[in-house]
Amino acid sequence: MNAKRRAELSEAVLIINKAALIVNKVCDNERDAVDNYPDNLQGTEKYEAMEYAAESLDDAVEKLEEAKESIENAMK
């Protein structure tokens, strides 16, 4: 791989890192909201949607990390 393509991939890794930070921050906020949801409202449709969103965001962060690792491996 030439230097130009490595530089382009390095930029992609930086973008992925930034995206992962943003998604992780939102995920943490959503987890806090779920954890602090009133007991009498847990199990409601809204609560379930909030839990699902947090789980989906966790998955997204994991996939972003996997993508970053794959790109870094390709750059070796």
Protein backbone atom coordinates (compact mmCIF):
# COMPACT_ATOMS: atom_id res chain seq x y z
CA MET A 1 0.00 0.00 0.00
CA ASN A 2 1.40 3.36 -0.92
CA ALA A 3 1.73 6.38 1.35
CA LYS A 4 -1.24 8.23 -0.19
CA ARG A 5 -3.65 5.37 0.48
CA ARG A 6 -2.27 4.93 4.00
CA ALA A 7 -2.84 8.64 4.64
CA GLU A 8 -6.41 8.36 3.38
CA LEU A 9 -7.02 5.38 5.64
CA SER A 10 -5.46 7.21 8.58
CA GLU A 11 -7.99 9.97 8.02
CA ALA A 12 -10.77 7.37 7.97
CA VAL A 13 -9.54 5.96 11.29
CA LEU A 14 -9.64 9.45 12.82
CA ILE A 15 -13.20 9.93 11.59
CA ILE A 16 -14.23 6.54 12.96
CA ASN A 17 -12.65 7.41 16.32
CA LYS A 18 -14.62 10.65 16.44
CA ALA A 19 -17.84 8.85 15.48
CA ALA A 20 -17.23 6.20 18.15
CA LEU A 21 -16.74 8.88 20.80
CA ILE A 22 -19.99 10.60 19.83
CA VAL A 23 -21.98 7.36 19.73
CA ASN A 24 -20.47 6.21 23.02
CA LYS A 25 -21.38 9.52 24.69
CA VAL A 26 -24.98 9.28 23.49
CA CYS A 27 -25.09 5.64 24.57
CA ASP A 28 -23.86 6.54 28.06
CA ASN A 29 -26.54 9.23 28.31
CA GLU A 30 -29.22 6.78 27.18
CA ARG A 31 -27.99 4.17 29.69
CA ASP A 32 -28.17 6.79 32.45
CA ALA A 33 -31.72 7.62 31.40
CA VAL A 34 -32.67 3.93 31.47
CA ASP A 35 -31.00 3.40 34.85
CA ASN A 36 -32.79 6.39 36.34
CA TYR A 37 -36.21 5.61 34.87
CA PRO A 38 -38.90 5.37 37.55
CA ASP A 39 -39.55 1.83 38.74
CA ASN A 40 -43.27 2.08 38.13
CA LEU A 41 -42.68 2.92 34.45
CA GLN A 42 -40.16 0.18 33.73
CA GLY A 43 -41.55 -2.37 31.34
CA THR A 44 -43.47 0.26 29.41
CA GLU A 45 -43.11 0.61 25.66
CA LYS A 46 -41.04 3.77 26.05
CA TYR A 47 -38.70 2.09 28.54
CA GLU A 48 -38.26 -0.89 26.24
CA ALA A 49 -37.46 1.44 23.33
CA MET A 50 -34.86 3.25 25.44
CA GLU A 51 -33.23 -0.05 26.40
CA TYR A 52 -33.22 -1.19 22.79
CA ALA A 53 -31.65 2.11 21.70
CA ALA A 54 -28.87 1.76 24.27
CA GLU A 55 -28.18 -1.83 23.21
CA SER A 56 -28.14 -0.81 19.55
CA LEU A 57 -25.71 2.00 20.29
CA ASP A 58 -23.45 -0.44 22.16
CA ASP A 59 -23.47 -2.65 19.07
CA ALA A 60 -22.67 0.34 16.86
CA VAL A 61 -19.65 1.26 18.98
CA GLU A 62 -18.39 -2.32 18.80
CA LYS A 63 -18.78 -2.36 15.02
CA LEU A 64 -16.98 0.96 14.69
CA GLU A 65 -14.10 -0.44 16.74
CA GLU A 66 -14.02 -3.56 14.55
CA ALA A 67 -13.95 -1.40 11.41
CA LYS A 68 -11.11 0.66 12.83
CA GLU A 69 -9.11 -2.48 13.65
CA SER A 70 -9.70 -3.89 10.17
CA ILE A 71 -8.50 -0.68 8.55
CA GLU A 72 -5.45 -0.55 10.79
CA ASN A 73 -4.66 -4.17 9.92
CA ALA A 74 -4.91 -3.34 6.23
CA MET A 75 -2.44 -0.49 6.69
CA LYS A 76 0.29 -2.79 8.08
